[in-house]
PDB file of N, CA and C in Angstrom:
ATOM      1  N   UNK A   1      24.895  15.090  17.737  1.00  0.00           N
ATOM      2  CA  UNK A   1      24.283  14.049  18.118  1.00  0.00           C
ATOM      3  C   UNK A   1      24.071  13.028  16.767  1.00  0.00           C
ATOM      4  N   UNK A   2      24.300  11.946  16.661  1.00  0.00           N
ATOM      5  CA  UNK A   2      24.649  10.894  15.684  1.00  0.00           C
ATOM      6  C   UNK A   2      23.019  10.651  15.246  1.00  0.00           C
ATOM      7  N   UNK A   3      22.852  10.267  13.872  1.00  0.00           N
ATOM      8  CA  UNK A   3      21.919   9.613  13.430  1.00  0.00           C
ATOM      9  C   UNK A   3      21.964   8.114  12.968  1.00  0.00           C
ATOM     10  N   UNK A   4      21.174   7.250  13.990  1.00  0.00           N
ATOM     11  CA  UNK A   4      21.224   6.097  13.815  1.00  0.00           C
ATOM     12  C   UNK A   4      20.287   5.473  12.696  1.00  0.00           C
ATOM     13  N   UNK A   5      19.649   6.377  12.103  1.00  0.00           N
ATOM     14  CA  UNK A   5      18.805   5.691  10.818  1.00  0.00           C
ATOM     15  C   UNK A   5      18.909   6.765   9.606  1.00  0.00           C
ATOM     16  N   UNK A   6      20.002   6.190   9.003  1.00  0.00           N
ATOM     17  CA  UNK A   6      20.092   7.101   7.808  1.00  0.00           C
ATOM     18  C   UNK A   6      19.207   7.041   6.487  1.00  0.00           C
ATOM     19  N   UNK A   7      19.058   8.130   5.974  1.00  0.00           N
ATOM     20  CA  UNK A   7      17.938   7.886   5.216  1.00  0.00           C
ATOM     21  C   UNK A   7      18.060   6.936   3.727  1.00  0.00           C
ATOM     22  N   UNK A   8      19.157   6.450   3.771  1.00  0.00           N
ATOM     23  CA  UNK A   8      18.948   5.378   2.756  1.00  0.00           C
ATOM     24  C   UNK A   8      18.868   3.851   3.231  1.00  0.00           C
ATOM     25  N   UNK A   9      18.779   3.792   4.674  1.00  0.00           N
ATOM     26  CA  UNK A   9      18.537   2.532   5.196  1.00  0.00           C
ATOM     27  C   UNK A   9      17.300   2.583   5.545  1.00  0.00           C
ATOM     28  N   UNK A  10      16.701   0.914   5.472  1.00  0.00           N
ATOM     29  CA  UNK A  10      14.971   0.964   5.465  1.00  0.00           C
ATOM     30  C   UNK A  10      14.730   0.203   7.091  1.00  0.00           C
ATOM     31  N   UNK A  11      13.595   0.808   7.335  1.00  0.00           N
ATOM     32  CA  UNK A  11      13.160   0.698   8.829  1.00  0.00           C
ATOM     33  C   UNK A  11      12.307  -0.402   8.601  1.00  0.00           C
ATOM     34  N   UNK A  12      11.974  -1.150   9.437  1.00  0.00           N
ATOM     35  CA  UNK A  12      11.083  -2.553   9.498  1.00  0.00           C
ATOM     36  C   UNK A  12       9.559  -1.753   9.112  1.00  0.00           C
ATOM     37  N   UNK A  13       9.198  -2.498   8.216  1.00  0.00           N
ATOM     38  CA  UNK A  13       7.856  -2.071   7.539  1.00  0.00           C
ATOM     39  C   UNK A  13       7.749  -0.908   6.185  1.00  0.00           C
ATOM     40  N   UNK A  14       9.199  -0.497   6.121  1.00  0.00           N
ATOM     41  CA  UNK A  14       9.375   0.308   5.023  1.00  0.00           C
ATOM     42  C   UNK A  14       8.864  -0.132   3.635  1.00  0.00           C
ATOM     43  N   UNK A  15       9.202  -1.513   3.424  1.00  0.00           N
ATOM     44  CA  UNK A  15       8.854  -1.604   1.995  1.00  0.00           C
ATOM     45  C   UNK A  15       7.525  -2.288   1.967  1.00  0.00           C
ATOM     46  N   UNK A  16       6.691  -2.683   3.193  1.00  0.00           N
ATOM     47  CA  UNK A  16       5.771  -3.074   2.750  1.00  0.00           C
ATOM     48  C   UNK A  16       4.703  -1.626   2.628  1.00  0.00           C
ATOM     49  N   UNK A  17       5.314  -0.375   3.203  1.00  0.00           N
ATOM     50  CA  UNK A  17       4.507   0.450   2.880  1.00  0.00           C
ATOM     51  C   UNK A  17       4.508   1.052   1.286  1.00  0.00           C
ATOM     52  N   UNK A  18       5.536   0.749   0.813  1.00  0.00           N
ATOM     53  CA  UNK A  18       5.846   1.032  -0.528  1.00  0.00           C
ATOM     54  C   UNK A  18       5.337   0.278  -1.471  1.00  0.00           C
ATOM     55  N   UNK A  19       5.263  -0.840  -1.035  1.00  0.00           N
ATOM     56  CA  UNK A  19       4.691  -2.202  -2.107  1.00  0.00           C
ATOM     57  C   UNK A  19       2.905  -1.729  -1.833  1.00  0.00           C
ATOM     58  N   UNK A  20       2.646  -1.565  -0.665  1.00  0.00           N
ATOM     59  CA  UNK A  20       1.119  -1.126  -0.665  1.00  0.00           C
ATOM     60  C   UNK A  20       0.708   0.223  -1.224  1.00  0.00           C
ATOM     61  N   UNK A  21       1.636   0.797  -1.178  1.00  0.00           N
ATOM     62  CA  UNK A  21       1.327   2.118  -2.107  1.00  0.00           C
ATOM     63  C   UNK A  21       1.161   1.877  -3.496  1.00  0.00           C
ATOM     64  N   UNK A  22       2.020   1.013  -4.111  1.00  0.00           N
ATOM     65  CA  UNK A  22       2.350   0.803  -5.481  1.00  0.00           C
ATOM     66  C   UNK A  22       0.883   0.015  -6.165  1.00  0.00           C
ATOM     67  N   UNK A  23       0.756  -0.994  -5.046  1.00  0.00           N
ATOM     68  CA  UNK A  23      -0.484  -1.890  -5.353  1.00  0.00           C
ATOM     69  C   UNK A  23      -1.883  -1.007  -5.254  1.00  0.00           C
ATOM     70  N   UNK A  24      -1.729  -0.366  -4.487  1.00  0.00           N
ATOM     71  CA  UNK A  24      -2.946   0.868  -4.304  1.00  0.00           C
ATOM     72  C   UNK A  24      -3.087   1.722  -5.537  1.00  0.00           C
ATOM     73  N   UNK A  25      -2.096   2.157  -6.162  1.00  0.00           N
ATOM     74  CA  UNK A  25      -2.377   3.038  -7.077  1.00  0.00           C
ATOM     75  C   UNK A  25      -2.779   1.985  -8.072  1.00  0.00           C
ATOM     76  N   UNK A  26      -2.085   0.796  -8.653  1.00  0.00           N
ATOM     77  CA  UNK A  26      -2.577  -0.025  -9.586  1.00  0.00           C
ATOM     78  C   UNK A  26      -4.054  -0.197  -9.794  1.00  0.00           C
ATOM     79  N   UNK A  27      -4.585  -0.623  -8.507  1.00  0.00           N
ATOM     80  CA  UNK A  27      -5.739  -0.684  -8.249  1.00  0.00           C
ATOM     81  C   UNK A  27      -6.673   0.284  -8.485  1.00  0.00           C
ATOM     82  N   UNK A  28      -6.071   1.810  -8.126  1.00  0.00           N
ATOM     83  CA  UNK A  28      -7.045   2.906  -8.579  1.00  0.00           C
ATOM     84  C   UNK A  28      -7.170   3.297 -10.102  1.00  0.00           C
ATOM     85  N   UNK A  29      -5.732   2.962 -10.739  1.00  0.00           N
ATOM     86  CA  UNK A  29      -6.008   2.861 -12.039  1.00  0.00           C
ATOM     87  C   UNK A  29      -6.719   1.758 -12.701  1.00  0.00           C
ATOM     88  N   UNK A  30      -6.622   0.736 -12.420  1.00  0.00           N
ATOM     89  CA  UNK A  30      -7.765  -0.576 -12.701  1.00  0.00           C
ATOM     90  C   UNK A  30      -9.323   0.024 -12.560  1.00  0.00           C
ATOM     91  N   UNK A  31      -9.421   0.793 -11.223  1.00  0.00           N
ATOM     92  CA  UNK A  31     -10.718   0.975 -11.019  1.00  0.00           C
ATOM     93  C   UNK A  31     -11.342   2.059 -12.076  1.00  0.00           C
ATOM     94  N   UNK A  32     -10.489   3.292 -12.527  1.00  0.00           N
ATOM     95  CA  UNK A  32     -10.677   3.924 -13.227  1.00  0.00           C
ATOM     96  C   UNK A  32     -11.171   3.391 -14.562  1.00  0.00           C
ATOM     97  N   UNK A  33     -10.318   2.776 -15.035  1.00  0.00           N
ATOM     98  CA  UNK A  33     -10.214   2.205 -16.578  1.00  0.00           C
ATOM     99  C   UNK A  33     -11.625   1.145 -16.330  1.00  0.00           C
ATOM    100  N   UNK A  34     -11.879   0.558 -15.213  1.00  0.00           N
ATOM    101  CA  UNK A  34     -13.056  -0.446 -15.565  1.00  0.00           C
ATOM    102  C   UNK A  34     -14.313   0.604 -15.082  1.00  0.00           C
ATOM    103  N   UNK A  35     -14.374   1.373 -14.826  1.00  0.00           N
ATOM    104  CA  UNK A  35     -15.787   2.333 -14.602  1.00  0.00           C
ATOM    105  C   UNK A  35     -16.001   3.058 -15.669  1.00  0.00           C
ATOM    106  N   UNK A  36     -14.934   3.736 -16.154  1.00  0.00           N
ATOM    107  CA  UNK A  36     -15.084   4.656 -17.543  1.00  0.00           C
ATOM    108  C   UNK A  36     -15.963   3.749 -18.502  1.00  0.00           C
ATOM    109  N   UNK A  37     -15.915   2.885 -19.114  1.00  0.00           N
ATOM    110  CA  UNK A  37     -17.108   2.453 -20.035  1.00  0.00           C
ATOM    111  C   UNK A  37     -18.532   2.469 -19.583  1.00  0.00           C
ATOM    112  N   UNK A  38     -18.562   2.476 -18.278  1.00  0.00           N
ATOM    113  CA  UNK A  38     -20.201   2.486 -17.935  1.00  0.00           C
ATOM    114  C   UNK A  38     -20.313   3.906 -17.939  1.00  0.00           C
ATOM    115  N   UNK A  39     -19.484   4.963 -17.387  1.00  0.00           N
ATOM    116  CA  UNK A  39     -19.876   6.667 -18.029  1.00  0.00           C
ATOM    117  C   UNK A  39     -20.001   6.758 -19.214  1.00  0.00           C
ATOM    118  N   UNK A  40     -19.249   5.861 -20.220  1.00  0.00           N
ATOM    119  CA  UNK A  40     -19.033   6.557 -21.390  1.00  0.00           C
ATOM    120  C   UNK A  40     -20.290   5.714 -22.047  1.00  0.00           C
ATOM    121  N   UNK A  41     -21.159   5.015 -21.872  1.00  0.00           N
ATOM    122  CA  UNK A  41     -22.176   4.004 -22.650  1.00  0.00           C
ATOM    123  C   UNK A  41     -21.814   2.886 -23.652  1.00  0.00           C
ATOM    124  N   UNK A  42     -20.322   2.473 -23.479  1.00  0.00           N
ATOM    125  CA  UNK A  42     -19.555   1.581 -24.409  1.00  0.00           C
ATOM    126  C   UNK A  42     -20.133  -0.018 -23.320  1.00  0.00           C
ATOM    127  N   UNK A  43     -19.562  -0.665 -24.306  1.00  0.00           N
ATOM    128  CA  UNK A  43     -19.577  -2.085 -23.597  1.00  0.00           C
ATOM    129  C   UNK A  43     -18.773  -2.337 -22.389  1.00  0.00           C
ATOM    130  N   UNK A  44     -19.369  -2.866 -21.314  1.00  0.00           N
ATOM    131  CA  UNK A  44     -18.397  -2.737 -20.007  1.00  0.00           C
ATOM    132  C   UNK A  44     -17.437  -4.238 -20.050  1.00  0.00           C
ATOM    133  N   UNK A  45     -16.246  -3.851 -19.099  1.00  0.00           N
ATOM    134  CA  UNK A  45     -15.564  -4.956 -19.356  1.00  0.00           C
ATOM    135  C   UNK A  45     -15.753  -6.037 -18.850  1.00  0.00           C
ATOM    136  N   UNK A  46     -15.294  -7.522 -18.650  1.00  0.00           N
ATOM    137  CA  UNK A  46     -15.687  -8.708 -18.017  1.00  0.00           C
ATOM    138  C   UNK A  46     -15.791  -8.256 -16.837  1.00  0.00           C
ATOM    139  N   UNK A  47     -16.721  -9.205 -15.976  1.00  0.00           N
ATOM    140  CA  UNK A  47     -16.725  -9.079 -14.541  1.00  0.00           C
ATOM    141  C   UNK A  47     -15.391  -9.284 -13.907  1.00  0.00           C
ATOM    142  N   UNK A  48     -14.586 -10.049 -14.380  1.00  0.00           N
ATOM    143  CA  UNK A  48     -13.137 -10.427 -13.526  1.00  0.00           C
ATOM    144  C   UNK A  48     -12.230  -9.155 -13.830  1.00  0.00           C
ATOM    145  N   UNK A  49     -12.544  -8.049 -14.467  1.00  0.00           N
ATOM    146  CA  UNK A  49     -11.849  -7.009 -14.870  1.00  0.00           C
ATOM    147  C   UNK A  49     -12.090  -6.142 -12.992  1.00  0.00           C
ATOM    148  N   UNK A  50     -13.431  -6.306 -12.691  1.00  0.00           N
ATOM    149  CA  UNK A  50     -13.973  -5.480 -11.492  1.00  0.00           C
ATOM    150  C   UNK A  50     -13.180  -5.964 -10.181  1.00  0.00           C
ATOM    151  N   UNK A  51     -12.813  -7.535 -10.332  1.00  0.00           N
ATOM    152  CA  UNK A  51     -12.071  -8.008  -9.206  1.00  0.00           C
ATOM    153  C   UNK A  51     -10.389  -7.114  -9.331  1.00  0.00           C
ATOM    154  N   UNK A  52     -10.047  -6.526 -10.409  1.00  0.00           N
ATOM    155  CA  UNK A  52      -9.003  -5.833 -10.480  1.00  0.00           C
ATOM    156  C   UNK A  52      -9.253  -4.247  -9.080  1.00  0.00           C
ATOM    157  N   UNK A  53     -10.185  -3.933  -9.335  1.00  0.00           N
ATOM    158  CA  UNK A  53     -10.691  -2.934  -8.155  1.00  0.00           C
ATOM    159  C   UNK A  53     -10.132  -3.249  -7.012  1.00  0.00           C
ATOM    160  N   UNK A  54     -10.106  -4.651  -6.305  1.00  0.00           N
ATOM    161  CA  UNK A  54      -9.972  -4.867  -5.245  1.00  0.00           C
ATOM    162  C   UNK A  54      -8.544  -4.675  -4.503  1.00  0.00           C
ATOM    163  N   UNK A  55      -7.877  -4.400  -5.708  1.00  0.00           N
ATOM    164  CA  UNK A  55      -6.056  -4.133  -5.467  1.00  0.00           C
ATOM    165  C   UNK A  55      -5.747  -2.906  -4.458  1.00  0.00           C
ATOM    166  N   UNK A  56      -6.824  -1.830  -4.866  1.00  0.00           N
ATOM    167  CA  UNK A  56      -6.916  -1.120  -3.820  1.00  0.00           C
ATOM    168  C   UNK A  56      -6.951  -1.205  -2.221  1.00  0.00           C
ATOM    169  N   UNK A  57      -7.823  -2.128  -2.241  1.00  0.00           N
ATOM    170  CA  UNK A  57      -8.004  -2.863  -0.538  1.00  0.00           C
ATOM    171  C   UNK A  57      -6.659  -3.390  -0.213  1.00  0.00           C
ATOM    172  N   UNK A  58      -6.161  -4.345  -1.126  1.00  0.00           N
ATOM    173  CA  UNK A  58      -5.226  -5.187  -0.658  1.00  0.00           C
ATOM    174  C   UNK A  58      -3.908  -3.947  -0.559  1.00  0.00           C
ATOM    175  N   UNK A  59      -3.743  -3.028  -1.559  1.00  0.00           N
ATOM    176  CA  UNK A  59      -2.483  -2.055  -1.352  1.00  0.00           C
ATOM    177  C   UNK A  59      -2.741  -1.369  -0.010  1.00  0.00           C
ATOM    178  N   UNK A  60      -3.739  -0.776   0.467  1.00  0.00           N
ATOM    179  CA  UNK A  60      -4.175  -0.439   1.833  1.00  0.00           C
ATOM    180  C   UNK A  60      -3.824  -1.047   2.766  1.00  0.00           C
ATOM    181  N   UNK A  61      -4.149  -2.525   2.673  1.00  0.00           N
ATOM    182  CA  UNK A  61      -3.948  -3.495   4.034  1.00  0.00           C
ATOM    183  C   UNK A  61      -2.529  -3.654   3.870  1.00  0.00           C
ATOM    184  N   UNK A  62      -1.712  -3.715   3.020  1.00  0.00           N
ATOM    185  CA  UNK A  62      -0.046  -3.760   3.089  1.00  0.00           C
ATOM    186  C   UNK A  62       0.430  -2.566   3.599  1.00  0.00           C
ATOM    187  N   UNK A  63      -0.019  -1.424   3.255  1.00  0.00           N
ATOM    188  CA  UNK A  63       0.623  -0.375   3.840  1.00  0.00           C
ATOM    189  C   UNK A  63       0.233  -0.108   5.578  1.00  0.00           C
ATOM    190  N   UNK A  64      -1.193  -0.529   5.792  1.00  0.00           N
ATOM    191  CA  UNK A  64      -1.163  -0.544   7.266  1.00  0.00           C
ATOM    192  C   UNK A  64      -0.612  -1.509   7.927  1.00  0.00           C
ATOM    193  N   UNK A  65      -0.284  -2.753   7.319  1.00  0.00           N
ATOM    194  CA  UNK A  65       0.702  -3.791   7.821  1.00  0.00           C
ATOM    195  C   UNK A  65       2.007  -3.172   8.121  1.00  0.00           C
ATOM    196  N   UNK A  66       2.685  -2.268   6.957  1.00  0.00           N
ATOM    197  CA  UNK A  66       3.979  -2.101   7.186  1.00  0.00           C
ATOM    198  C   UNK A  66       4.291  -0.865   8.129  1.00  0.00           C
ATOM    199  N   UNK A  67       3.136  -0.137   8.501  1.00  0.00           N
ATOM    200  CA  UNK A  67       2.646   1.071   9.687  1.00  0.00           C
ATOM    201  C   UNK A  67       2.838   0.375  10.682  1.00  0.00           C
ATOM    202  N   UNK A  68       2.179  -0.764  10.938  1.00  0.00           N
ATOM    203  CA  UNK A  68       1.682  -1.469  12.064  1.00  0.00           C
ATOM    204  C   UNK A  68       3.102  -2.108  12.679  1.00  0.00           C
ATOM    205  N   UNK A  69       3.613  -2.741  11.488  1.00  0.00           N
ATOM    206  CA  UNK A  69       5.368  -3.064  11.557  1.00  0.00           C
ATOM    207  C   UNK A  69       6.234  -2.275  12.074  1.00  0.00           C
ATOM    208  N   UNK A  70       6.204  -0.983  11.774  1.00  0.00           N
ATOM    209  CA  UNK A  70       7.139  -0.149  11.851  1.00  0.00           C
ATOM    210  C   UNK A  70       6.728   0.432  13.454  1.00  0.00           C
ATOM    211  N   UNK A  71       5.897   0.524  14.005  1.00  0.00           N
ATOM    212  CA  UNK A  71       5.330   1.267  15.042  1.00  0.00           C
ATOM    213  C   UNK A  71       5.828   0.136  16.084  1.00  0.00           C
ATOM    214  N   UNK A  72       5.605  -1.361  15.635  1.00  0.00           N
ATOM    215  CA  UNK A  72       5.836  -2.225  16.863  1.00  0.00           C
ATOM    216  C   UNK A  72       7.564  -2.601  16.762  1.00  0.00           C
ATOM    217  N   UNK A  73       8.208  -1.980  15.956  1.00  0.00           N
ATOM    218  CA  UNK A  73       9.868  -1.864  15.965  1.00  0.00           C
ATOM    219  C   UNK A  73       9.996  -0.769  16.764  1.00  0.00           C
ATOM    220  N   UNK A  74       9.626   0.118  16.650  1.00  0.00           N
ATOM    221  CA  UNK A  74       9.675   1.356  17.081  1.00  0.00           C
ATOM    222  C   UNK A  74       9.627   1.337  19.066  1.00  0.00           C
ATOM    223  N   UNK A  75       8.515   0.580  19.069  1.00  0.00           N
ATOM    224  CA  UNK A  75       8.160   0.437  20.449  1.00  0.00           C
ATOM    225  C   UNK A  75       9.245  -0.822  21.177  1.00  0.00           C
ATOM    226  N   UNK A  76       9.833  -1.678  20.602  1.00  0.00           N
ATOM    227  CA  UNK A  76      10.483  -2.588  20.770  1.00  0.00           C
ATOM    228  C   UNK A  76      12.063  -2.046  21.350  1.00  0.00           C
ATOM    229  N   UNK A  77      12.282  -1.286  20.408  1.00  0.00           N
ATOM    230  CA  UNK A  77      13.609  -0.021  20.402  1.00  0.00           C
ATOM    231  C   UNK A  77      13.225   0.768  21.649  1.00  0.00           C
ATOM    232  N   UNK A  78      12.166   1.090  21.783  1.00  0.00           N
ATOM    233  CA  UNK A  78      12.125   1.989  23.097  1.00  0.00           C
ATOM    234  C   UNK A  78      12.360   1.047  24.296  1.00  0.00           C
ATOM    235  N   UNK A  79      11.370   0.023  24.426  1.00  0.00           N
ATOM    236  CA  UNK A  79      11.770  -0.804  25.446  1.00  0.00           C
ATOM    237  C   UNK A  79      13.197  -1.145  25.867  1.00  0.00           C
ATOM    238  N   UNK A  80      13.647  -1.748  24.730  1.00  0.00           N
ATOM    239  CA  UNK A  80      15.262  -2.042  25.030  1.00  0.00           C
ATOM    240  C   UNK A  80      16.141  -0.923  25.563  1.00  0.00           C
ATOM    241  N   UNK A  81      15.594   0.339  25.406  1.00  0.00           N
ATOM    242  CA  UNK A  81      16.727   1.409  25.752  1.00  0.00           C
ATOM    243  C   UNK A  81      16.305   1.471  27.210  1.00  0.00           C
ATOM    244  N   UNK A  82      15.504   1.364  27.657  1.00  0.00           N
ATOM    245  CA  UNK A  82      14.803   1.807  29.137  1.00  0.00           C
ATOM    246  C   UNK A  82      15.948   1.188  30.014  1.00  0.00           C
TER     247      UNK A  82
END
């Protein structure tokens, strides 16, 4: 059996999933850094720093878009092989 999708080739949506994972991790770290002063009783960061926490949601949406793109490509491939 021949493998049409070797491990080093990128399927549609793979880059979006990877980018979404990276952005999500950056957002998670930003959330931890932003919330830590609140627990330690020190001076909190400026308000715009809390906006960096939204990167978690952006990363989640990017990864979800990548998964949907991959699913759509798989369905197109299945329909073409019929």
